[in-house]
Amino acid sequence: MASESFTEYVWIAVIAYMALILFFVIRGAIQTKNISDYALGNIAFSPIAVGLALAASMTSAATFIINPGFIAYYGISGFLSFGLVLSISALISLIVITKGFRKVGTSVKALTMAQWIGSRYDNKSYSLFFGFVSLLLITFIVLICVGLSKLLSKALNVEEIYILISVVVFVFGYMMFGGANSMVYTNMIQASLMIVVAIILLTSGSEHFSDGISGFFTKLKAIDPALAEGTNPQSPLFRDYFEIIFCQVVVGIAIVCQPHIITKSLLLKNDNQVNTYLIAGVIVEFLFFLVVFAGLYARLEFPNLTVDGSLLSLDGVLSAYVVKKFTAGIGIIVVMGLISAGLSTLEGLIQSLSTTITQDVIRPIFGEPKIQPVILNRLTIIFLAAVSFAFSWQQLISPDLSVGIFAQNGVYAYFSAAFVPVLFGTFLKQVPVHVPFVSSVSAIIIHFSVYYGRLTPYMQEEVRNPAIASTLAILGSLAIGLILHTYAKSRREKVSIA
């Protein structure tokens, strides 16, 4: 439990932080006149600002709060998987895909990922389909709400349910008005604070290296030899290098195909800004990915994963570490940085998902609304808030090992379905719509069949690894897409010859 003085200082910092956010939200809301302004903004942002917004949005409570718990529980194998392999694969993929995605997106004036896909393949039904698929991203919103609730509950000594209600009401409330015009500013501030916190967390266990790297590993081995090994057969996610390397490379390549990540490039006003945007975003994002290493420091701080005689949940490890490890001044900075990590992605998800539901689901089904699209979008955010709260509360009281597993299952299914249409739409020409559509449907079927059907020996445990299901879904849908595209291309060539 946090000390009374620490709690008081955190309250002051949180209230000040809320006031700062509201300032930028009000400023952005004044300049938001329509749904396009809400989705993409109407302000000329600098590429560095958008790059920082990308890094902040790409990094969530998963990276800063939840994932360090996996590393604390299972050791170096988790850091190799989440901190190095996944991060390097994702950042390379981002660099490769961004320019082509932006070129298509700006030419068709897409506001959402679903619109991008529908416009690229000239098929409104495909856009509607992806509007519904986007609902899977609610699982990611749930992860962030749970992470923030656990963090603030420990820092403020308040019951998790009251924190959850406050987070949902405040964040979803201000996101009804701000949109992209305020998000780039808030994300830039959040990213700057996250950089400071990332450095604090990564250096917080420097005393454990007093005897060098070998001494650090010796300390881990003294707790559990498996913590210092490249694989951990007792873990649900890091049992061998197929899970740690192969699956994370595949997942990392596809993970950027999420709307709050890949569509950030559409905020840039011209193509000359793309390189600067990518350099700023990639460098800062790699630093953020490394933060999961702090999970090892937390394990050294809590060798038996207990505090005050109670077992630490995986999702609560880093929050407990922050409260115990840091003095009031540094601790407050770290808490605010962790809050920023959650809010930055949560804002992006609410903005992109609400716009998708409004533009790509409601309007195609029910036609032009009788109310202004911006008002409809606000009603959609209220719906998202209610659904997110219900699932978040369920995950707080009965998680499946970690809310991270719940979120990965939904998010991984989404970008597994999005990978082929984004890849083919960016790099190939004359792709018939049935090619990516069949691939997307196949990806969803394969992912959930493997996960819930417990297909393959890897999926026989009580806690299953969504990366296995996603990898098979991505590779399977890619193979189907390539076969269908090759066949369609040969058909066109025969027709042209005839």
Foldseek 3Di string as FASTA:
>chain_A
DFDPVLLVVLVVVVVVLLVVLLVLLVVQLVQDDALLCQQQNDDADALLLLLLLLLLQVFALCLQFQQLLVCLVQAPLSCLQQQPQLLVLQLVLLVVQQVLLLVQCVVQVDSALLSSLCVLQVHLVSSLVLLVLLVLLLLVLLQLLLLLLLLSCLSNVHDSLVSSVVVLCSLLVSLLRRHPSSLSVLSSVLSVLLLVLLVCLVCLQVVCCPVHPVSVLVLVVVLPNSNNDNARCVDLQGHDCCRRHVLSSLLSSLLCLRTLNSCSSNNHPDPVSVVVSSVSNSVSNSSSSSSSVSSSVLCSVVSPCDDPRHHHQSSNSVSVCLSPRDDSVVSSSNSSSSNSSHSSNSSSSLSRSLSSCLPSHCCVVPNDDPDGSSVSSSVSSVVSSVVSSVVSVVCNVDNLSGSVLSSLLSSLLSSLLVRVSSVCSSPHPPQNSVLSVVLSVQLNCQQCCCQVVVPDPSNPDSRHDSSVSSSCSNVVSVVSSVVVRVVVVVVVVVVVVD
